[in-house]
Amino acid sequence: MPLLTTSALSTEVLESALLTLEQITLRITVLALNASRHSEQSPRVRMLLGDLLADIQDCESEMGTYAPLDA
């Protein structure tokens, strides 16, 4: 991921977020499709999804942007 400059931080953060979201979507879809064909991989994919959600929720809490989903 490229370093942010000070000239247009909000635009750069938004662009980075959209590009990262696209990569996450693609990669999770591939992992899920692969796990659907190889059931022994399903627990690992589910663990990844749970960890990813927990990391996002932790970041949201630290930044004060959203309340936890289970609150």
N, C-alpha and C. Protein backbone atom coordinates (compact mmCIF):
# COMPACT_ATOMS: atom_id res chain seq x y z
N MET A 1 0.85 -1.17 0.00
CA MET A 1 0.00 0.00 0.00
C MET A 1 0.90 1.23 0.00
N PRO A 2 0.63 2.19 -0.88
CA PRO A 2 1.47 3.39 -0.96
C PRO A 2 1.33 4.25 0.29
N LEU A 3 2.41 4.97 0.60
CA LEU A 3 2.38 5.89 1.73
C LEU A 3 1.45 7.05 1.43
N LEU A 4 0.82 7.55 2.48
CA LEU A 4 -0.06 8.70 2.34
C LEU A 4 0.76 9.98 2.30
N THR A 5 0.34 10.92 1.49
CA THR A 5 0.97 12.24 1.48
C THR A 5 0.09 13.19 2.26
N THR A 6 0.52 14.38 2.46
CA THR A 6 -0.28 15.33 3.25
C THR A 6 -1.19 16.19 2.39
N SER A 7 -1.11 16.06 1.08
CA SER A 7 -1.89 16.95 0.22
C SER A 7 -3.38 16.59 0.15
N ALA A 8 -3.70 15.33 0.18
CA ALA A 8 -5.11 14.93 0.05
C ALA A 8 -5.37 13.66 0.85
N LEU A 9 -5.17 13.73 2.15
CA LEU A 9 -5.28 12.53 2.99
C LEU A 9 -6.65 11.86 2.88
N SER A 10 -7.73 12.63 2.94
CA SER A 10 -9.05 12.01 2.92
C SER A 10 -9.29 11.26 1.63
N THR A 11 -8.87 11.81 0.52
CA THR A 11 -9.03 11.14 -0.77
C THR A 11 -8.16 9.90 -0.85
N GLU A 12 -6.94 10.00 -0.34
CA GLU A 12 -6.04 8.86 -0.37
C GLU A 12 -6.53 7.73 0.53
N VAL A 13 -7.05 8.07 1.69
CA VAL A 13 -7.59 7.04 2.59
C VAL A 13 -8.79 6.37 1.94
N LEU A 14 -9.67 7.13 1.35
CA LEU A 14 -10.83 6.56 0.68
C LEU A 14 -10.40 5.65 -0.47
N GLU A 15 -9.46 6.10 -1.28
CA GLU A 15 -8.96 5.29 -2.39
C GLU A 15 -8.33 4.00 -1.88
N SER A 16 -7.53 4.09 -0.85
CA SER A 16 -6.90 2.90 -0.27
C SER A 16 -7.96 1.94 0.27
N ALA A 17 -8.97 2.50 0.93
CA ALA A 17 -10.04 1.66 1.49
C ALA A 17 -10.78 0.91 0.39
N LEU A 18 -11.09 1.60 -0.70
CA LEU A 18 -11.82 0.95 -1.79
C LEU A 18 -10.98 -0.12 -2.48
N LEU A 19 -9.71 0.15 -2.69
CA LEU A 19 -8.83 -0.84 -3.31
C LEU A 19 -8.62 -2.05 -2.40
N THR A 20 -8.48 -1.79 -1.10
CA THR A 20 -8.32 -2.88 -0.14
C THR A 20 -9.59 -3.71 -0.05
N LEU A 21 -10.73 -3.06 -0.03
CA LEU A 21 -12.01 -3.76 0.02
C LEU A 21 -12.16 -4.68 -1.18
N GLU A 22 -11.77 -4.21 -2.35
CA GLU A 22 -11.84 -5.04 -3.56
C GLU A 22 -10.96 -6.28 -3.41
N GLN A 23 -9.76 -6.10 -2.90
CA GLN A 23 -8.84 -7.22 -2.72
C GLN A 23 -9.38 -8.21 -1.68
N ILE A 24 -9.90 -7.69 -0.58
CA ILE A 24 -10.46 -8.55 0.47
C ILE A 24 -11.63 -9.36 -0.08
N THR A 25 -12.52 -8.70 -0.81
CA THR A 25 -13.68 -9.38 -1.39
C THR A 25 -13.25 -10.51 -2.31
N LEU A 26 -12.33 -10.22 -3.18
CA LEU A 26 -11.85 -11.23 -4.12
C LEU A 26 -11.19 -12.40 -3.40
N ARG A 27 -10.31 -12.12 -2.48
CA ARG A 27 -9.57 -13.17 -1.80
C ARG A 27 -10.45 -14.01 -0.88
N ILE A 28 -11.37 -13.39 -0.18
CA ILE A 28 -12.28 -14.16 0.68
C ILE A 28 -13.18 -15.04 -0.17
N THR A 29 -13.64 -14.53 -1.30
CA THR A 29 -14.47 -15.33 -2.20
C THR A 29 -13.71 -16.55 -2.69
N VAL A 30 -12.46 -16.37 -3.08
CA VAL A 30 -11.64 -17.50 -3.54
C VAL A 30 -11.45 -18.51 -2.42
N LEU A 31 -11.14 -18.03 -1.22
CA LEU A 31 -10.97 -18.93 -0.09
C LEU A 31 -12.25 -19.71 0.21
N ALA A 32 -13.39 -19.03 0.18
CA ALA A 32 -14.66 -19.68 0.46
C ALA A 32 -15.01 -20.72 -0.61
N LEU A 33 -14.78 -20.37 -1.86
CA LEU A 33 -15.05 -21.33 -2.94
C LEU A 33 -14.15 -22.56 -2.81
N ASN A 34 -12.90 -22.32 -2.49
CA ASN A 34 -11.96 -23.43 -2.32
C ASN A 34 -12.37 -24.30 -1.12
N ALA A 35 -12.77 -23.66 -0.03
CA ALA A 35 -13.19 -24.41 1.15
C ALA A 35 -14.47 -25.18 0.89
N SER A 36 -15.32 -24.69 0.00
CA SER A 36 -16.55 -25.43 -0.31
C SER A 36 -16.23 -26.73 -1.05
N ARG A 37 -15.10 -26.77 -1.72
CA ARG A 37 -14.67 -27.99 -2.42
C ARG A 37 -13.80 -28.88 -1.54
N HIS A 38 -13.20 -28.30 -0.53
CA HIS A 38 -12.32 -29.03 0.38
C HIS A 38 -12.77 -28.74 1.81
N SER A 39 -13.72 -29.51 2.29
CA SER A 39 -14.38 -29.22 3.56
C SER A 39 -13.41 -29.14 4.74
N GLU A 40 -12.27 -29.79 4.65
CA GLU A 40 -11.31 -29.74 5.76
C GLU A 40 -10.73 -28.33 5.93
N GLN A 41 -10.87 -27.48 4.93
CA GLN A 41 -10.38 -26.11 5.00
C GLN A 41 -11.42 -25.13 5.56
N SER A 42 -12.65 -25.57 5.67
CA SER A 42 -13.73 -24.69 6.14
C SER A 42 -13.48 -24.09 7.52
N PRO A 43 -13.01 -24.88 8.50
CA PRO A 43 -12.77 -24.27 9.82
C PRO A 43 -11.74 -23.13 9.76
N ARG A 44 -10.72 -23.28 8.95
CA ARG A 44 -9.69 -22.22 8.85
C ARG A 44 -10.27 -20.95 8.23
N VAL A 45 -11.11 -21.12 7.21
CA VAL A 45 -11.72 -19.95 6.57
C VAL A 45 -12.67 -19.26 7.54
N ARG A 46 -13.43 -20.04 8.29
CA ARG A 46 -14.35 -19.46 9.27
C ARG A 46 -13.58 -18.72 10.36
N MET A 47 -12.43 -19.27 10.77
CA MET A 47 -11.60 -18.62 11.77
C MET A 47 -11.07 -17.29 11.22
N LEU A 48 -10.64 -17.30 9.99
CA LEU A 48 -10.16 -16.08 9.35
C LEU A 48 -11.25 -15.01 9.33
N LEU A 49 -12.45 -15.39 8.94
CA LEU A 49 -13.56 -14.44 8.89
C LEU A 49 -13.87 -13.86 10.26
N GLY A 50 -13.86 -14.72 11.28
CA GLY A 50 -14.10 -14.25 12.64
C GLY A 50 -13.02 -13.31 13.13
N ASP A 51 -11.75 -13.66 12.83
CA ASP A 51 -10.64 -12.80 13.22
C ASP A 51 -10.68 -11.46 12.50
N LEU A 52 -11.01 -11.49 11.23
CA LEU A 52 -11.09 -10.25 10.45
C LEU A 52 -12.16 -9.33 11.01
N LEU A 53 -13.32 -9.88 11.30
CA LEU A 53 -14.39 -9.07 11.88
C LEU A 53 -13.99 -8.52 13.24
N ALA A 54 -13.35 -9.35 14.07
CA ALA A 54 -12.91 -8.89 15.40
C ALA A 54 -11.89 -7.76 15.28
N ASP A 55 -10.97 -7.87 14.33
CA ASP A 55 -9.98 -6.80 14.13
C ASP A 55 -10.64 -5.50 13.70
N ILE A 56 -11.61 -5.60 12.81
CA ILE A 56 -12.32 -4.40 12.37
C ILE A 56 -13.09 -3.77 13.53
N GLN A 57 -13.75 -4.60 14.32
CA GLN A 57 -14.50 -4.09 15.47
C GLN A 57 -13.57 -3.45 16.50
N ASP A 58 -12.39 -4.03 16.72
CA ASP A 58 -11.42 -3.44 17.64
C ASP A 58 -10.99 -2.06 17.16
N CYS A 59 -10.73 -1.96 15.87
CA CYS A 59 -10.31 -0.67 15.30
C CYS A 59 -11.43 0.37 15.43
N GLU A 60 -12.66 -0.06 15.16
CA GLU A 60 -13.80 0.85 15.30
C GLU A 60 -13.93 1.35 16.73
N SER A 61 -13.75 0.44 17.69
CA SER A 61 -13.85 0.83 19.10
C SER A 61 -12.74 1.81 19.47
N GLU A 62 -11.51 1.51 19.03
CA GLU A 62 -10.39 2.39 19.33
C GLU A 62 -10.58 3.79 18.74
N MET A 63 -11.16 3.83 17.55
CA MET A 63 -11.36 5.12 16.88
C MET A 63 -12.67 5.79 17.29
N GLY A 64 -13.54 5.06 18.00
CA GLY A 64 -14.80 5.62 18.45
C GLY A 64 -15.79 5.85 17.33
N THR A 65 -15.73 5.02 16.28
CA THR A 65 -16.62 5.25 15.14
C THR A 65 -17.94 4.53 15.23
N TYR A 66 -17.96 3.33 15.80
CA TYR A 66 -19.19 2.56 15.89
C TYR A 66 -19.21 1.80 17.21
N ALA A 67 -20.42 1.52 17.68
CA ALA A 67 -20.57 0.65 18.84
C ALA A 67 -20.40 -0.79 18.39
N PRO A 68 -19.93 -1.68 19.27
CA PRO A 68 -19.81 -3.09 18.91
C PRO A 68 -21.15 -3.66 18.45
N LEU A 69 -21.10 -4.59 17.50
CA LEU A 69 -22.33 -5.18 16.97
C LEU A 69 -23.07 -6.00 18.02
N ASP A 70 -22.34 -6.54 19.00
CA ASP A 70 -22.98 -7.37 20.01
C ASP A 70 -23.40 -6.58 21.25
N ALA A 71 -23.33 -5.27 21.18
CA ALA A 71 -23.69 -4.42 22.33
C ALA A 71 -25.18 -4.17 22.38
